[in-house]
C-alpha atoms as a PDB file:
ATOM      1  CA  MET A   1      38.480  59.974 -39.768  1.00  0.00           C
ATOM      2  CA  PHE A   2      41.403  59.097 -37.457  1.00  0.00           C
ATOM      3  CA  LYS A   3      40.279  55.459 -37.235  1.00  0.00           C
ATOM      4  CA  ARG A   4      40.155  55.217 -41.022  1.00  0.00           C
ATOM      5  CA  ILE A   5      43.659  56.665 -41.428  1.00  0.00           C
ATOM      6  CA  TYR A   6      45.010  54.530 -38.568  1.00  0.00           C
ATOM      7  CA  GLY A   7      43.437  51.418 -40.119  1.00  0.00           C
ATOM      8  CA  GLY A   8      44.820  52.321 -43.539  1.00  0.00           C
ATOM      9  CA  VAL A   9      48.332  52.706 -42.149  1.00  0.00           C
ATOM     10  CA  ALA A  10      47.959  49.320 -40.437  1.00  0.00           C
ATOM     11  CA  ALA A  11      46.863  47.731 -43.712  1.00  0.00           C
ATOM     12  CA  VAL A  12      49.859  49.212 -45.560  1.00  0.00           C
ATOM     13  CA  GLU A  13      52.225  48.025 -42.806  1.00  0.00           C
ATOM     14  CA  SER A  14      50.723  44.538 -42.920  1.00  0.00           C
ATOM     15  CA  VAL A  15      51.588  44.319 -46.607  1.00  0.00           C
ATOM     16  CA  LEU A  16      54.944  46.131 -46.670  1.00  0.00           C
ATOM     17  CA  VAL A  17      56.657  44.374 -43.761  1.00  0.00           C
ATOM     18  CA  PRO A  18      56.433  40.809 -45.120  1.00  0.00           C
ATOM     19  CA  VAL A  19      57.157  42.001 -48.672  1.00  0.00           C
ATOM     20  CA  PHE A  20      60.269  43.834 -47.455  1.00  0.00           C
ATOM     21  CA  VAL A  21      61.447  40.723 -45.579  1.00  0.00           C
ATOM     22  CA  VAL A  22      61.088  38.596 -48.731  1.00  0.00           C
ATOM     23  CA  VAL A  23      62.827  41.222 -50.900  1.00  0.00           C
ATOM     24  CA  ILE A  24      65.677  41.599 -48.396  1.00  0.00           C
ATOM     25  CA  THR A  25      66.148  37.829 -48.265  1.00  0.00           C
ATOM     26  CA  ALA A  26      66.131  37.524 -52.069  1.00  0.00           C
ATOM     27  CA  MET A  27      68.593  40.393 -52.517  1.00  0.00           C
ATOM     28  CA  VAL A  28      71.030  39.093 -49.909  1.00  0.00           C
ATOM     29  CA  PHE A  29      70.861  35.628 -51.487  1.00  0.00           C
ATOM     30  CA  ALA A  30      71.312  37.025 -55.007  1.00  0.00           C
ATOM     31  CA  SER A  31      74.204  39.163 -53.803  1.00  0.00           C
ATOM     32  CA  ALA A  32      75.927  36.142 -52.244  1.00  0.00           C
ATOM     33  CA  VAL A  33      75.435  34.046 -55.381  1.00  0.00           C
ATOM     34  CA  GLY A  34      76.629  36.914 -57.576  1.00  0.00           C
ATOM     35  CA  ARG A  35      79.731  37.463 -55.445  1.00  0.00           C
ATOM     36  CA  THR A  36      80.523  33.744 -55.568  1.00  0.00           C
ATOM     37  CA  ALA A  37      80.118  33.764 -59.363  1.00  0.00           C
ATOM     38  CA  GLY A  38      82.400  36.795 -59.645  1.00  0.00           C
ATOM     39  CA  TYR A  39      79.631  39.324 -60.340  1.00  0.00           C
ATOM     40  CA  PRO A  40      78.962  41.179 -57.091  1.00  0.00           C
ATOM     41  CA  LEU A  41      75.705  43.112 -56.737  1.00  0.00           C
ATOM     42  CA  ASN A  42      76.974  45.989 -54.621  1.00  0.00           C
ATOM     43  CA  TRP A  43      73.661  47.847 -54.763  1.00  0.00           C
ATOM     44  CA  ALA A  44      71.830  44.869 -53.229  1.00  0.00           C
ATOM     45  CA  VAL A  45      73.523  45.312 -49.851  1.00  0.00           C
ATOM     46  CA  ASP A  46      72.663  49.023 -49.653  1.00  0.00           C
ATOM     47  CA  THR A  47      69.091  48.377 -50.787  1.00  0.00           C
ATOM     48  CA  SER A  48      68.729  45.594 -48.221  1.00  0.00           C
ATOM     49  CA  LEU A  49      69.966  47.854 -45.427  1.00  0.00           C
ATOM     50  CA  LEU A  50      67.574  50.604 -46.511  1.00  0.00           C
ATOM     51  CA  LEU A  51      64.634  48.197 -46.522  1.00  0.00           C
ATOM     52  CA  LEU A  52      65.744  46.708 -43.201  1.00  0.00           C
ATOM     53  CA  ALA A  53      65.604  50.125 -41.533  1.00  0.00           C
ATOM     54  CA  TRP A  54      62.018  50.593 -42.715  1.00  0.00           C
ATOM     55  CA  THR A  55      61.081  47.006 -41.869  1.00  0.00           C
ATOM     56  CA  VAL A  56      62.201  47.536 -38.269  1.00  0.00           C
ATOM     57  CA  GLY A  57      60.232  50.766 -37.890  1.00  0.00           C
ATOM     58  CA  LEU A  58      57.059  49.539 -39.551  1.00  0.00           C
ATOM     59  CA  GLY A  59      57.323  46.074 -38.024  1.00  0.00           C
ATOM     60  CA  GLY A  60      57.735  47.533 -34.540  1.00  0.00           C
ATOM     61  CA  ASP A  61      54.521  49.494 -34.956  1.00  0.00           C
ATOM     62  CA  LEU A  62      52.759  46.443 -36.326  1.00  0.00           C
ATOM     63  CA  ALA A  63      53.880  44.437 -33.283  1.00  0.00           C
ATOM     64  CA  ILE A  64      52.550  47.084 -30.899  1.00  0.00           C
ATOM     65  CA  ARG A  65      49.236  47.335 -32.785  1.00  0.00           C
ATOM     66  CA  LYS A  66      48.702  43.574 -32.746  1.00  0.00           C
ATOM     67  CA  ASN A  67      49.864  43.103 -29.145  1.00  0.00           C
ATOM     68  CA  ARG A  68      52.781  40.944 -30.210  1.00  0.00           C
ATOM     69  CA  VAL A  69      55.529  42.746 -28.330  1.00  0.00           C
ATOM     70  CA  VAL A  70      57.785  40.403 -26.390  1.00  0.00           C
ATOM     71  CA  ASN A  71      57.009  40.511 -22.689  1.00  0.00           C
ATOM     72  CA  VAL A  72      57.838  38.400 -19.683  1.00  0.00           C
ATOM     73  CA  ASP A  73      54.622  37.978 -17.787  1.00  0.00           C
ATOM     74  CA  MET A  74      55.700  35.162 -15.480  1.00  0.00           C
ATOM     75  CA  ILE A  75      56.216  37.570 -12.566  1.00  0.00           C
ATOM     76  CA  ILE A  76      53.515  40.075 -13.562  1.00  0.00           C
ATOM     77  CA  ASN A  77      50.813  37.385 -13.428  1.00  0.00           C
ATOM     78  CA  PHE A  78      51.386  37.001  -9.678  1.00  0.00           C
ATOM     79  CA  PHE A  79      50.152  40.564  -9.095  1.00  0.00           C
ATOM     80  CA  PRO A  80      46.471  41.434  -8.646  1.00  0.00           C
ATOM     81  CA  ALA A  81      44.613  42.970 -11.609  1.00  0.00           C
ATOM     82  CA  LYS A  82      44.916  46.567 -10.342  1.00  0.00           C
ATOM     83  CA  ALA A  83      48.683  46.248  -9.934  1.00  0.00           C
ATOM     84  CA  ARG A  84      48.988  44.723 -13.430  1.00  0.00           C
ATOM     85  CA  LYS A  85      46.990  47.642 -14.828  1.00  0.00           C
ATOM     86  CA  PHE A  86      49.214  50.147 -13.014  1.00  0.00           C
ATOM     87  CA  LEU A  87      52.371  48.448 -14.317  1.00  0.00           C
ATOM     88  CA  ALA A  88      50.950  48.343 -17.846  1.00  0.00           C
ATOM     89  CA  LEU A  89      50.178  52.081 -17.711  1.00  0.00           C
ATOM     90  CA  LEU A  90      53.596  52.849 -16.258  1.00  0.00           C
ATOM     91  CA  TRP A  91      55.311  50.784 -18.946  1.00  0.00           C
ATOM     92  CA  CYS A  92      53.320  52.566 -21.666  1.00  0.00           C
ATOM     93  CA  LEU A  93      54.520  55.911 -20.268  1.00  0.00           C
ATOM     94  CA  VAL A  94      58.128  54.680 -20.309  1.00  0.00           C
ATOM     95  CA  MET A  95      57.687  53.535 -23.910  1.00  0.00           C
ATOM     96  CA  ILE A  96      56.113  56.864 -24.900  1.00  0.00           C
ATOM     97  CA  ALA A  97      59.032  58.782 -23.365  1.00  0.00           C
ATOM     98  CA  PHE A  98      61.574  56.555 -25.140  1.00  0.00           C
ATOM     99  CA  LEU A  99      59.756  56.805 -28.476  1.00  0.00           C
ATOM    100  CA  ALA A 100      59.519  60.596 -28.142  1.00  0.00           C
ATOM    101  CA  CYS A 101      63.318  60.668 -27.700  1.00  0.00           C
ATOM    102  CA  LEU A 102      63.700  58.490 -30.792  1.00  0.00           C
ATOM    103  CA  VAL A 103      61.530  60.882 -32.796  1.00  0.00           C
ATOM    104  CA  LYS A 104      63.492  63.925 -31.621  1.00  0.00           C
ATOM    105  CA  TYR A 105      66.955  62.447 -32.108  1.00  0.00           C
ATOM    106  CA  GLY A 106      65.859  60.681 -35.302  1.00  0.00           C
ATOM    107  CA  ILE A 107      64.909  64.030 -36.796  1.00  0.00           C
ATOM    108  CA  ASP A 108      68.292  65.403 -35.707  1.00  0.00           C
ATOM    109  CA  LEU A 109      69.933  62.409 -37.406  1.00  0.00           C
ATOM    110  CA  CYS A 110      68.020  63.112 -40.605  1.00  0.00           C
ATOM    111  CA  VAL A 111      69.150  66.729 -40.573  1.00  0.00           C
ATOM    112  CA  SER A 112      72.778  65.773 -39.996  1.00  0.00           C
ATOM    113  CA  ASN A 113      72.670  63.176 -42.808  1.00  0.00           C
ATOM    114  CA  ARG A 114      70.814  65.301 -45.347  1.00  0.00           C
ATOM    115  CA  LYS A 115      73.833  65.604 -47.653  1.00  0.00           C
ATOM    116  CA  ARG A 116      75.079  62.039 -47.317  1.00  0.00           C
ATOM    117  CA  VAL A 117      74.390  59.837 -50.344  1.00  0.00           C
ATOM    118  CA  TYR A 118      74.379  56.069 -50.894  1.00  0.00           C
ATOM    119  CA  GLN A 119      77.296  55.450 -53.261  1.00  0.00           C
ATOM    120  CA  THR A 120      75.637  52.602 -55.131  1.00  0.00           C
ATOM    121  CA  LEU A 121      72.024  53.821 -55.132  1.00  0.00           C
ATOM    122  CA  ARG A 122      72.610  57.541 -55.789  1.00  0.00           C
ATOM    123  CA  ILE A 123      69.865  58.511 -53.354  1.00  0.00           C
ATOM    124  CA  GLY A 124      70.114  60.413 -50.101  1.00  0.00           C
ATOM    125  CA  TYR A 125      70.935  58.521 -46.930  1.00  0.00           C
ATOM    126  CA  ILE A 126      68.085  60.469 -45.357  1.00  0.00           C
ATOM    127  CA  TRP A 127      65.752  57.806 -46.825  1.00  0.00           C
ATOM    128  CA  ALA A 128      67.254  55.312 -44.375  1.00  0.00           C
ATOM    129  CA  THR A 129      67.564  57.631 -41.375  1.00  0.00           C
ATOM    130  CA  ALA A 130      63.966  58.830 -41.825  1.00  0.00           C
ATOM    131  CA  ALA A 131      62.850  55.323 -40.840  1.00  0.00           C
ATOM    132  CA  VAL A 132      63.792  56.108 -37.223  1.00  0.00           C
ATOM    133  CA  PRO A 133      61.509  59.101 -36.599  1.00  0.00           C
ATOM    134  CA  ALA A 134      58.790  57.736 -38.889  1.00  0.00           C
ATOM    135  CA  GLY A 135      58.678  54.319 -37.216  1.00  0.00           C
ATOM    136  CA  ALA A 136      58.976  55.813 -33.736  1.00  0.00           C
ATOM    137  CA  SER A 137      56.138  58.245 -34.498  1.00  0.00           C
ATOM    138  CA  LEU A 138      53.878  55.396 -35.599  1.00  0.00           C
ATOM    139  CA  MET A 139      54.815  53.360 -32.503  1.00  0.00           C
ATOM    140  CA  LEU A 140      54.225  56.420 -30.310  1.00  0.00           C
ATOM    141  CA  VAL A 141      50.667  56.811 -31.626  1.00  0.00           C
ATOM    142  CA  SER A 142      49.977  53.084 -31.211  1.00  0.00           C
ATOM    143  CA  THR A 143      51.367  53.098 -27.660  1.00  0.00           C
ATOM    144  CA  ALA A 144      49.318  56.186 -26.757  1.00  0.00           C
ATOM    145  CA  ILE A 145      46.158  54.480 -28.057  1.00  0.00           C
ATOM    146  CA  ARG A 146      47.088  51.399 -26.052  1.00  0.00           C
ATOM    147  CA  PHE A 147      47.588  53.552 -22.933  1.00  0.00           C
ATOM    148  CA  VAL A 148      44.108  55.063 -23.321  1.00  0.00           C
ATOM    149  CA  LYS A 149      42.534  51.632 -23.855  1.00  0.00           C
ATOM    150  CA  ILE A 150      44.193  50.276 -20.721  1.00  0.00           C
ATOM    151  CA  TRP A 151      43.245  53.404 -18.731  1.00  0.00           C
ATOM    152  CA  LEU A 152      39.593  53.155 -19.809  1.00  0.00           C
ATOM    153  CA  ASP A 153      39.488  49.353 -19.411  1.00  0.00           C
ATOM    154  CA  MET A 154      38.716  48.933 -23.105  1.00  0.00           C
ATOM    155  CA  PRO A 155      39.514  45.564 -24.692  1.00  0.00           C
ATOM    156  CA  LEU A 156      42.896  45.257 -26.369  1.00  0.00           C
ATOM    157  CA  ASP A 157      43.676  43.141 -29.387  1.00  0.00           C
ATOM    158  CA  PRO A 158      44.031  39.496 -28.436  1.00  0.00           C
ATOM    159  CA  PRO A 159      47.548  38.623 -27.274  1.00  0.00           C
ATOM    160  CA  ALA A 160      49.919  36.814 -29.598  1.00  0.00           C
ATOM    161  CA  GLU A 161      49.633  33.459 -27.867  1.00  0.00           C
ATOM    162  CA  ALA A 162      46.587  31.618 -26.675  1.00  0.00           C
ATOM    163  CA  GLY A 163      46.760  31.275 -22.936  1.00  0.00           C
ATOM    164  CA  SER A 164      48.377  34.663 -22.355  1.00  0.00           C
ATOM    165  CA  ASP A 165      46.924  36.866 -19.679  1.00  0.00           C
ATOM    166  CA  ALA A 166      43.508  38.345 -20.433  1.00  0.00           C
ATOM    167  CA  ASP A 167      44.520  41.998 -20.039  1.00  0.00           C
ATOM    168  CA  GLY A 168      47.083  41.757 -22.836  1.00  0.00           C
ATOM    169  CA  GLY A 169      50.234  41.858 -20.744  1.00  0.00           C
ATOM    170  CA  ILE A 170      52.351  44.855 -19.975  1.00  0.00           C
ATOM    171  CA  CYS A 171      51.722  47.526 -22.571  1.00  0.00           C
END
């Protein structure tokens, strides 16, 4: 059941992130053209910022799921396999702690912004601030799964680049 839900969320993220990037790009371009022509699209900026917040949260989780997080493995590759595994586990724990803080303070941010409204969109600003705890929660689950896979020596998704280290880098 969990695998099916987790896979479904990944499928939705894989569609939404690139669509949001295209929509953001089109709206910013249309807004610039409209402003130049004397017809500014004020709502386009707010909508773009709202979509950007969700793109960052969902895209971050997608990067963790697909093992495409930026990492500098030039130094790590000099360590033996056991040391690399230890560092990967340690880094996952650091990420989990950071993401847990993001979830906690993101929820606090949502509560404090519950009455704030986008002037041009007439929707609550909570729709933008909710991207922080939602994205961090998804990344937290993905990082925890990654931690367990590393701990149990289970194979990770292939790294982003061919030629990267076989164990998938640091977390």
